[in-house]
Structure formats: C-alpha cells, structure tokens
Amino acid sequence: MTRVVVDVMLKPEILDPQGQAVADALPRLGVTGVRSVRIGRRIELEFESTPERQQLDELADQLLANPVIEDYAISLPEQAIPEEAA
C-alpha cells in the first residue's frame, strides 16, 4: 500500500479567521512571540499501488482543495524518509 498525504492551506492572501482566533487566544494561555497562525487540513489516502502524480494532482485540484482560495501539497511520507534514516 502507498500512503499519500495532501496538505491543504488557504492561500496567503486569503484571510484566515480560524487562524486569527487561535492567534488571539495564545496570549491568554501565556504563549508569546507567535507572529501568525494559519489553519489548514491534512488528508491521508491509502492506495493499493503508487498512483501517478497527474492522478493525485487532479484529485487534489478537483475534490480535496478549492484552487481559487487554497493551495495544496502532496507527499508520499514513506518515500520521503528512508527507513534507515528514521
């Protein structure tokens, strides 16, 4: 099986009210020095075999993210860090 991770974030120019709410709450918890907070989502998919990059891009662009207001990044964690290095 191949695990694919798609991280979806609002584009930098899009206001993030959820992130702003977290940023506003941090000082009440004693956390200082945080300049900004952006909230996104992580989607994990398991495929029976390694999918084509084009298929993953189409999936993310058409279903998992709204390309008008969101950016996405696709990664295959098992391939990113060899087991010997972990």
PDB file of N, CA and C in Angstrom:
ATOM      1  N   MET A   1       0.832  -1.186   0.000  1.00  0.00           N
ATOM      2  CA  MET A   1       0.000   0.000   0.000  1.00  0.00           C
ATOM      3  C   MET A   1       0.872   1.244   0.000  1.00  0.00           C
ATOM      4  N   THR A   2       0.355   2.276  -0.615  1.00  0.00           N
ATOM      5  CA  THR A   2       1.053   3.555  -0.665  1.00  0.00           C
ATOM      6  C   THR A   2       0.206   4.603   0.035  1.00  0.00           C
ATOM      7  N   ARG A   3       0.799   5.261   1.013  1.00  0.00           N
ATOM      8  CA  ARG A   3       0.097   6.330   1.723  1.00  0.00           C
ATOM      9  C   ARG A   3       0.477   7.658   1.091  1.00  0.00           C
ATOM     10  N   VAL A   4      -0.540   8.450   0.781  1.00  0.00           N
ATOM     11  CA  VAL A   4      -0.355   9.775   0.196  1.00  0.00           C
ATOM     12  C   VAL A   4      -0.962  10.788   1.158  1.00  0.00           C
ATOM     13  N   VAL A   5      -0.237  11.870   1.397  1.00  0.00           N
ATOM     14  CA  VAL A   5      -0.723  12.930   2.272  1.00  0.00           C
ATOM     15  C   VAL A   5      -0.919  14.183   1.437  1.00  0.00           C
ATOM     16  N   VAL A   6      -2.092  14.783   1.572  1.00  0.00           N
ATOM     17  CA  VAL A   6      -2.388  16.046   0.900  1.00  0.00           C
ATOM     18  C   VAL A   6      -2.639  17.083   1.991  1.00  0.00           C
ATOM     19  N   ASP A   7      -1.783  18.094   2.045  1.00  0.00           N
ATOM     20  CA  ASP A   7      -1.951  19.197   2.986  1.00  0.00           C
ATOM     21  C   ASP A   7      -2.581  20.356   2.232  1.00  0.00           C
ATOM     22  N   VAL A   8      -3.688  20.863   2.763  1.00  0.00           N
ATOM     23  CA  VAL A   8      -4.426  21.944   2.115  1.00  0.00           C
ATOM     24  C   VAL A   8      -4.399  23.160   3.036  1.00  0.00           C
ATOM     25  N   MET A   9      -3.996  24.301   2.484  1.00  0.00           N
ATOM     26  CA  MET A   9      -3.929  25.550   3.244  1.00  0.00           C
ATOM     27  C   MET A   9      -4.588  26.662   2.442  1.00  0.00           C
ATOM     28  N   LEU A  10      -5.170  27.622   3.156  1.00  0.00           N
ATOM     29  CA  LEU A  10      -5.653  28.810   2.475  1.00  0.00           C
ATOM     30  C   LEU A  10      -4.476  29.531   1.836  1.00  0.00           C
ATOM     31  N   LYS A  11      -4.708  30.135   0.678  1.00  0.00           N
ATOM     32  CA  LYS A  11      -3.653  30.922   0.039  1.00  0.00           C
ATOM     33  C   LYS A  11      -3.278  32.077   0.967  1.00  0.00           C
ATOM     34  N   PRO A  12      -2.028  32.527   0.908  1.00  0.00           N
ATOM     35  CA  PRO A  12      -1.572  33.576   1.830  1.00  0.00           C
ATOM     36  C   PRO A  12      -2.412  34.853   1.787  1.00  0.00           C
ATOM     37  N   GLU A  13      -2.962  35.182   0.632  1.00  0.00           N
ATOM     38  CA  GLU A  13      -3.733  36.426   0.520  1.00  0.00           C
ATOM     39  C   GLU A  13      -5.177  36.289   1.022  1.00  0.00           C
ATOM     40  N   ILE A  14      -5.583  35.080   1.399  1.00  0.00           N
ATOM     41  CA  ILE A  14      -6.941  34.840   1.899  1.00  0.00           C
ATOM     42  C   ILE A  14      -6.940  34.948   3.426  1.00  0.00           C
ATOM     43  N   LEU A  15      -7.878  35.734   3.961  1.00  0.00           N
ATOM     44  CA  LEU A  15      -7.982  35.871   5.408  1.00  0.00           C
ATOM     45  C   LEU A  15      -8.319  34.520   6.037  1.00  0.00           C
ATOM     46  N   ASP A  16      -7.745  34.271   7.207  1.00  0.00           N
ATOM     47  CA  ASP A  16      -7.942  33.009   7.918  1.00  0.00           C
ATOM     48  C   ASP A  16      -8.539  33.311   9.294  1.00  0.00           C
ATOM     49  N   PRO A  17      -9.870  33.440   9.396  1.00  0.00           N
ATOM     50  CA  PRO A  17     -10.468  33.791  10.685  1.00  0.00           C
ATOM     51  C   PRO A  17     -10.231  32.741  11.769  1.00  0.00           C
ATOM     52  N   GLN A  18     -10.163  31.492  11.390  1.00  0.00           N
ATOM     53  CA  GLN A  18      -9.897  30.435  12.373  1.00  0.00           C
ATOM     54  C   GLN A  18      -8.478  30.585  12.927  1.00  0.00           C
ATOM     55  N   GLY A  19      -7.523  30.829  12.049  1.00  0.00           N
ATOM     56  CA  GLY A  19      -6.152  31.055  12.487  1.00  0.00           C
ATOM     57  C   GLY A  19      -6.040  32.297  13.353  1.00  0.00           C
ATOM     58  N   GLN A  20      -6.778  33.346  12.997  1.00  0.00           N
ATOM     59  CA  GLN A  20      -6.754  34.581  13.779  1.00  0.00           C
ATOM     60  C   GLN A  20      -7.330  34.352  15.170  1.00  0.00           C
ATOM     61  N   ALA A  21      -8.377  33.546  15.268  1.00  0.00           N
ATOM     62  CA  ALA A  21      -8.964  33.241  16.577  1.00  0.00           C
ATOM     63  C   ALA A  21      -7.958  32.511  17.467  1.00  0.00           C
ATOM     64  N   VAL A  22      -7.216  31.584  16.894  1.00  0.00           N
ATOM     65  CA  VAL A  22      -6.182  30.878  17.658  1.00  0.00           C
ATOM     66  C   VAL A  22      -5.085  31.851  18.073  1.00  0.00           C
ATOM     67  N   ALA A  23      -4.655  32.693  17.141  1.00  0.00           N
ATOM     68  CA  ALA A  23      -3.605  33.674  17.451  1.00  0.00           C
ATOM     69  C   ALA A  23      -4.045  34.601  18.579  1.00  0.00           C
ATOM     70  N   ASP A  24      -5.310  35.011  18.565  1.00  0.00           N
ATOM     71  CA  ASP A  24      -5.822  35.895  19.615  1.00  0.00           C
ATOM     72  C   ASP A  24      -5.884  35.199  20.972  1.00  0.00           C
ATOM     73  N   ALA A  25      -6.073  33.881  20.983  1.00  0.00           N
ATOM     74  CA  ALA A  25      -6.184  33.137  22.240  1.00  0.00           C
ATOM     75  C   ALA A  25      -4.828  32.799  22.852  1.00  0.00           C
ATOM     76  N   LEU A  26      -3.784  32.773  22.066  1.00  0.00           N
ATOM     77  CA  LEU A  26      -2.473  32.355  22.570  1.00  0.00           C
ATOM     78  C   LEU A  26      -1.982  33.177  23.757  1.00  0.00           C
ATOM     79  N   PRO A  27      -2.056  34.507  23.733  1.00  0.00           N
ATOM     80  CA  PRO A  27      -1.578  35.265  24.896  1.00  0.00           C
ATOM     81  C   PRO A  27      -2.329  34.924  26.184  1.00  0.00           C
ATOM     82  N   ARG A  28      -3.602  34.585  26.076  1.00  0.00           N
ATOM     83  CA  ARG A  28      -4.367  34.203  27.276  1.00  0.00           C
ATOM     84  C   ARG A  28      -3.841  32.909  27.878  1.00  0.00           C
ATOM     85  N   LEU A  29      -3.158  32.115  27.059  1.00  0.00           N
ATOM     86  CA  LEU A  29      -2.565  30.869  27.546  1.00  0.00           C
ATOM     87  C   LEU A  29      -1.097  31.049  27.925  1.00  0.00           C
ATOM     88  N   GLY A  30      -0.632  32.279  27.864  1.00  0.00           N
ATOM     89  CA  GLY A  30       0.746  32.560  28.229  1.00  0.00           C
ATOM     90  C   GLY A  30       1.743  32.340  27.110  1.00  0.00           C
ATOM     91  N   VAL A  31       1.260  32.131  25.899  1.00  0.00           N
ATOM     92  CA  VAL A  31       2.142  31.907  24.749  1.00  0.00           C
ATOM     93  C   VAL A  31       2.407  33.247  24.082  1.00  0.00           C
ATOM     94  N   THR A  32       3.680  33.599  23.958  1.00  0.00           N
ATOM     95  CA  THR A  32       4.040  34.864  23.321  1.00  0.00           C
ATOM     96  C   THR A  32       5.013  34.612  22.180  1.00  0.00           C
ATOM     97  N   GLY A  33       5.193  35.612  21.350  1.00  0.00           N
ATOM     98  CA  GLY A  33       6.173  35.535  20.276  1.00  0.00           C
ATOM     99  C   GLY A  33       5.659  34.912  18.988  1.00  0.00           C
ATOM    100  N   VAL A  34       4.388  34.528  18.936  1.00  0.00           N
ATOM    101  CA  VAL A  34       3.828  33.942  17.713  1.00  0.00           C
ATOM    102  C   VAL A  34       3.364  35.086  16.820  1.00  0.00           C
ATOM    103  N   ARG A  35       3.904  35.150  15.613  1.00  0.00           N
ATOM    104  CA  ARG A  35       3.565  36.248  14.695  1.00  0.00           C
ATOM    105  C   ARG A  35       2.255  36.014  13.960  1.00  0.00           C
ATOM    106  N   SER A  36       1.984  34.772  13.576  1.00  0.00           N
ATOM    107  CA  SER A  36       0.730  34.490  12.873  1.00  0.00           C
ATOM    108  C   SER A  36       0.408  33.007  12.991  1.00  0.00           C
ATOM    109  N   VAL A  37      -0.854  32.691  12.746  1.00  0.00           N
ATOM    110  CA  VAL A  37      -1.324  31.309  12.771  1.00  0.00           C
ATOM    111  C   VAL A  37      -2.177  31.097  11.526  1.00  0.00           C
ATOM    112  N   ARG A  38      -1.921  30.018  10.822  1.00  0.00           N
ATOM    113  CA  ARG A  38      -2.738  29.633   9.666  1.00  0.00           C
ATOM    114  C   ARG A  38      -3.257  28.224   9.942  1.00  0.00           C
ATOM    115  N   ILE A  39      -4.525  28.011   9.706  1.00  0.00           N
ATOM    116  CA  ILE A  39      -5.154  26.717   9.936  1.00  0.00           C
ATOM    117  C   ILE A  39      -5.407  26.053   8.585  1.00  0.00           C
ATOM    118  N   GLY A  40      -5.071  24.782   8.487  1.00  0.00           N
ATOM    119  CA  GLY A  40      -5.303  24.028   7.258  1.00  0.00           C
ATOM    120  C   GLY A  40      -5.848  22.656   7.601  1.00  0.00           C
ATOM    121  N   ARG A  41      -5.773  21.771   6.634  1.00  0.00           N
ATOM    122  CA  ARG A  41      -6.215  20.403   6.888  1.00  0.00           C
ATOM    123  C   ARG A  41      -5.278  19.419   6.199  1.00  0.00           C
ATOM    124  N   ARG A  42      -5.235  18.230   6.754  1.00  0.00           N
ATOM    125  CA  ARG A  42      -4.375  17.159   6.247  1.00  0.00           C
ATOM    126  C   ARG A  42      -5.267  15.988   5.869  1.00  0.00           C
ATOM    127  N   ILE A  43      -5.088  15.489   4.665  1.00  0.00           N
ATOM    128  CA  ILE A  43      -5.876  14.373   4.163  1.00  0.00           C
ATOM    129  C   ILE A  43      -4.915  13.236   3.858  1.00  0.00           C
ATOM    130  N   GLU A  44      -5.171  12.064   4.423  1.00  0.00           N
ATOM    131  CA  GLU A  44      -4.333  10.892   4.178  1.00  0.00           C
ATOM    132  C   GLU A  44      -5.126   9.884   3.367  1.00  0.00           C
ATOM    133  N   LEU A  45      -4.532   9.419   2.282  1.00  0.00           N
ATOM    134  CA  LEU A  45      -5.159   8.441   1.393  1.00  0.00           C
ATOM    135  C   LEU A  45      -4.255   7.228   1.302  1.00  0.00           C
ATOM    136  N   GLU A  46      -4.834   6.038   1.303  1.00  0.00           N
ATOM    137  CA  GLU A  46      -4.054   4.817   1.098  1.00  0.00           C
ATOM    138  C   GLU A  46      -4.472   4.191  -0.223  1.00  0.00           C
ATOM    139  N   PHE A  47      -3.500   3.980  -1.091  1.00  0.00           N
ATOM    140  CA  PHE A  47      -3.718   3.373  -2.395  1.00  0.00           C
ATOM    141  C   PHE A  47      -3.138   1.961  -2.388  1.00  0.00           C
ATOM    142  N   GLU A  48      -3.707   1.098  -3.197  1.00  0.00           N
ATOM    143  CA  GLU A  48      -3.189  -0.264  -3.310  1.00  0.00           C
ATOM    144  C   GLU A  48      -1.815  -0.276  -3.965  1.00  0.00           C
ATOM    145  N   SER A  49      -1.578   0.663  -4.879  1.00  0.00           N
ATOM    146  CA  SER A  49      -0.268   0.798  -5.518  1.00  0.00           C
ATOM    147  C   SER A  49       0.031   2.286  -5.653  1.00  0.00           C
ATOM    148  N   THR A  50       1.252   2.617  -6.035  1.00  0.00           N
ATOM    149  CA  THR A  50       1.644   4.017  -6.137  1.00  0.00           C
ATOM    150  C   THR A  50       0.910   4.691  -7.292  1.00  0.00           C
ATOM    151  N   PRO A  51       0.126   5.727  -6.992  1.00  0.00           N
ATOM    152  CA  PRO A  51      -0.619   6.410  -8.050  1.00  0.00           C
ATOM    153  C   PRO A  51       0.286   7.340  -8.864  1.00  0.00           C
ATOM    154  N   GLU A  52      -0.163   7.679 -10.049  1.00  0.00           N
ATOM    155  CA  GLU A  52       0.551   8.639 -10.893  1.00  0.00           C
ATOM    156  C   GLU A  52       0.401  10.034 -10.300  1.00  0.00           C
ATOM    157  N   ARG A  53       1.437  10.846 -10.452  1.00  0.00           N
ATOM    158  CA  ARG A  53       1.395  12.214  -9.928  1.00  0.00           C
ATOM    159  C   ARG A  53       0.235  13.000 -10.544  1.00  0.00           C
ATOM    160  N   GLN A  54      -0.013  12.811 -11.830  1.00  0.00           N
ATOM    161  CA  GLN A  54      -1.099  13.527 -12.502  1.00  0.00           C
ATOM    162  C   GLN A  54      -2.447  13.179 -11.865  1.00  0.00           C
ATOM    163  N   GLN A  55      -2.631  11.909 -11.524  1.00  0.00           N
ATOM    164  CA  GLN A  55      -3.875  11.485 -10.878  1.00  0.00           C
ATOM    165  C   GLN A  55      -4.038  12.175  -9.521  1.00  0.00           C
ATOM    166  N   LEU A  56      -2.953  12.282  -8.772  1.00  0.00           N
ATOM    167  CA  LEU A  56      -3.005  12.934  -7.464  1.00  0.00           C
ATOM    168  C   LEU A  56      -3.303  14.417  -7.600  1.00  0.00           C
ATOM    169  N   ASP A  57      -2.674  15.067  -8.580  1.00  0.00           N
ATOM    170  CA  ASP A  57      -2.939  16.492  -8.808  1.00  0.00           C
ATOM    171  C   ASP A  57      -4.404  16.726  -9.170  1.00  0.00           C
ATOM    172  N   GLU A  58      -4.952  15.885 -10.029  1.00  0.00           N
ATOM    173  CA  GLU A  58      -6.358  16.027 -10.416  1.00  0.00           C
ATOM    174  C   GLU A  58      -7.278  15.811  -9.217  1.00  0.00           C
ATOM    175  N   LEU A  59      -6.979  14.821  -8.403  1.00  0.00           N
ATOM    176  CA  LEU A  59      -7.775  14.540  -7.216  1.00  0.00           C
ATOM    177  C   LEU A  59      -7.771  15.736  -6.266  1.00  0.00           C
ATOM    178  N   ALA A  60      -6.589  16.267  -6.007  1.00  0.00           N
ATOM    179  CA  ALA A  60      -6.473  17.403  -5.098  1.00  0.00           C
ATOM    180  C   ALA A  60      -7.141  18.643  -5.679  1.00  0.00           C
ATOM    181  N   ASP A  61      -6.915  18.894  -6.950  1.00  0.00           N
ATOM    182  CA  ASP A  61      -7.424  20.107  -7.596  1.00  0.00           C
ATOM    183  C   ASP A  61      -8.941  20.081  -7.763  1.00  0.00           C
ATOM    184  N   GLN A  62      -9.514  18.910  -8.016  1.00  0.00           N
ATOM    185  CA  GLN A  62     -10.942  18.828  -8.315  1.00  0.00           C
ATOM    186  C   GLN A  62     -11.811  18.451  -7.116  1.00  0.00           C
ATOM    187  N   LEU A  63     -11.220  17.830  -6.091  1.00  0.00           N
ATOM    188  CA  LEU A  63     -12.032  17.327  -4.989  1.00  0.00           C
ATOM    189  C   LEU A  63     -11.569  17.787  -3.607  1.00  0.00           C
ATOM    190  N   LEU A  64     -10.283  17.730  -3.351  1.00  0.00           N
ATOM    191  CA  LEU A  64      -9.790  17.947  -1.991  1.00  0.00           C
ATOM    192  C   LEU A  64      -9.531  19.405  -1.649  1.00  0.00           C
ATOM    193  N   ALA A  65      -9.255  20.228  -2.643  1.00  0.00           N
ATOM    194  CA  ALA A  65      -8.951  21.637  -2.400  1.00  0.00           C
ATOM    195  C   ALA A  65      -9.783  22.507  -3.329  1.00  0.00           C
ATOM    196  N   ASN A  66     -10.007  23.722  -2.900  1.00  0.00           N
ATOM    197  CA  ASN A  66     -10.647  24.719  -3.751  1.00  0.00           C
ATOM    198  C   ASN A  66      -9.526  25.582  -4.316  1.00  0.00           C
ATOM    199  N   PRO A  67      -9.138  25.378  -5.579  1.00  0.00           N
ATOM    200  CA  PRO A  67      -7.970  26.070  -6.123  1.00  0.00           C
ATOM    201  C   PRO A  67      -8.104  27.589  -6.187  1.00  0.00           C
ATOM    202  N   VAL A  68      -9.301  28.110  -6.022  1.00  0.00           N
ATOM    203  CA  VAL A  68      -9.486  29.560  -6.027  1.00  0.00           C
ATOM    204  C   VAL A  68      -8.928  30.172  -4.745  1.00  0.00           C
ATOM    205  N   ILE A  69      -9.120  29.484  -3.618  1.00  0.00           N
ATOM    206  CA  ILE A  69      -8.702  30.060  -2.333  1.00  0.00           C
ATOM    207  C   ILE A  69      -7.694  29.212  -1.573  1.00  0.00           C
ATOM    208  N   GLU A  70      -7.370  28.010  -2.079  1.00  0.00           N
ATOM    209  CA  GLU A  70      -6.483  27.115  -1.340  1.00  0.00           C
ATOM    210  C   GLU A  70      -5.325  26.612  -2.199  1.00  0.00           C
ATOM    211  N   ASP A  71      -4.213  26.370  -1.536  1.00  0.00           N
ATOM    212  CA  ASP A  71      -3.062  25.691  -2.133  1.00  0.00           C
ATOM    213  C   ASP A  71      -2.984  24.301  -1.506  1.00  0.00           C
ATOM    214  N   TYR A  72      -2.336  23.386  -2.204  1.00  0.00           N
ATOM    215  CA  TYR A  72      -2.159  22.049  -1.642  1.00  0.00           C
ATOM    216  C   TYR A  72      -0.747  21.557  -1.924  1.00  0.00           C
ATOM    217  N   ALA A  73      -0.312  20.649  -1.074  1.00  0.00           N
ATOM    218  CA  ALA A  73       0.986  19.996  -1.244  1.00  0.00           C
ATOM    219  C   ALA A  73       0.762  18.500  -1.084  1.00  0.00           C
ATOM    220  N   ILE A  74       1.325  17.731  -2.003  1.00  0.00           N
ATOM    221  CA  ILE A  74       1.177  16.278  -1.994  1.00  0.00           C
ATOM    222  C   ILE A  74       2.507  15.655  -1.601  1.00  0.00           C
ATOM    223  N   SER A  75       2.453  14.697  -0.680  1.00  0.00           N
ATOM    224  CA  SER A  75       3.683  13.995  -0.305  1.00  0.00           C
ATOM    225  C   SER A  75       3.386  12.513  -0.100  1.00  0.00           C
ATOM    226  N   LEU A  76       4.416  11.729  -0.279  1.00  0.00           N
ATOM    227  CA  LEU A  76       4.365  10.291  -0.029  1.00  0.00           C
ATOM    228  C   LEU A  76       5.350  10.027   1.100  1.00  0.00           C
ATOM    229  N   PRO A  77       4.900  10.093   2.354  1.00  0.00           N
ATOM    230  CA  PRO A  77       5.808  10.042   3.504  1.00  0.00           C
ATOM    231  C   PRO A  77       6.764   8.859   3.527  1.00  0.00           C
ATOM    232  N   GLU A  78       6.313   7.684   3.125  1.00  0.00           N
ATOM    233  CA  GLU A  78       7.196   6.520   3.166  1.00  0.00           C
ATOM    234  C   GLU A  78       8.387   6.695   2.231  1.00  0.00           C
ATOM    235  N   GLN A  79       8.194   7.415   1.147  1.00  0.00           N
ATOM    236  CA  GLN A  79       9.273   7.621   0.196  1.00  0.00           C
ATOM    237  C   GLN A  79      10.151   8.805   0.582  1.00  0.00           C
ATOM    238  N   ALA A  80       9.613   9.714   1.397  1.00  0.00           N
ATOM    239  CA  ALA A  80      10.355  10.921   1.737  1.00  0.00           C
ATOM    240  C   ALA A  80      11.500  10.636   2.710  1.00  0.00           C
ATOM    241  N   ILE A  81      11.298   9.710   3.650  1.00  0.00           N
ATOM    242  CA  ILE A  81      12.318   9.407   4.656  1.00  0.00           C
ATOM    243  C   ILE A  81      12.608   7.913   4.601  1.00  0.00           C
ATOM    244  N   PRO A  82      13.761   7.527   4.092  1.00  0.00           N
ATOM    245  CA  PRO A  82      14.105   6.101   4.068  1.00  0.00           C
ATOM    246  C   PRO A  82      14.120   5.539   5.484  1.00  0.00           C
ATOM    247  N   GLU A  83      13.722   4.289   5.633  1.00  0.00           N
ATOM    248  CA  GLU A  83      13.619   3.673   6.952  1.00  0.00           C
ATOM    249  C   GLU A  83      14.959   3.677   7.681  1.00  0.00           C
ATOM    250  N   GLU A  84      16.065   3.533   6.970  1.00  0.00           N
ATOM    251  CA  GLU A  84      17.381   3.523   7.609  1.00  0.00           C
ATOM    252  C   GLU A  84      17.682   4.857   8.282  1.00  0.00           C
ATOM    253  N   ALA A  85      17.152   5.963   7.719  1.00  0.00           N
ATOM    254  CA  ALA A  85      17.439   7.288   8.256  1.00  0.00           C
ATOM    255  C   ALA A  85      16.535   7.632   9.435  1.00  0.00           C
ATOM    256  N   ALA A  86      15.423   6.940   9.573  1.00  0.00           N
ATOM    257  CA  ALA A  86      14.458   7.274  10.635  1.00  0.00           C
ATOM    258  C   ALA A  86      14.944   6.843  11.994  1.00  0.00           C
TER     259      ALA A  86
END
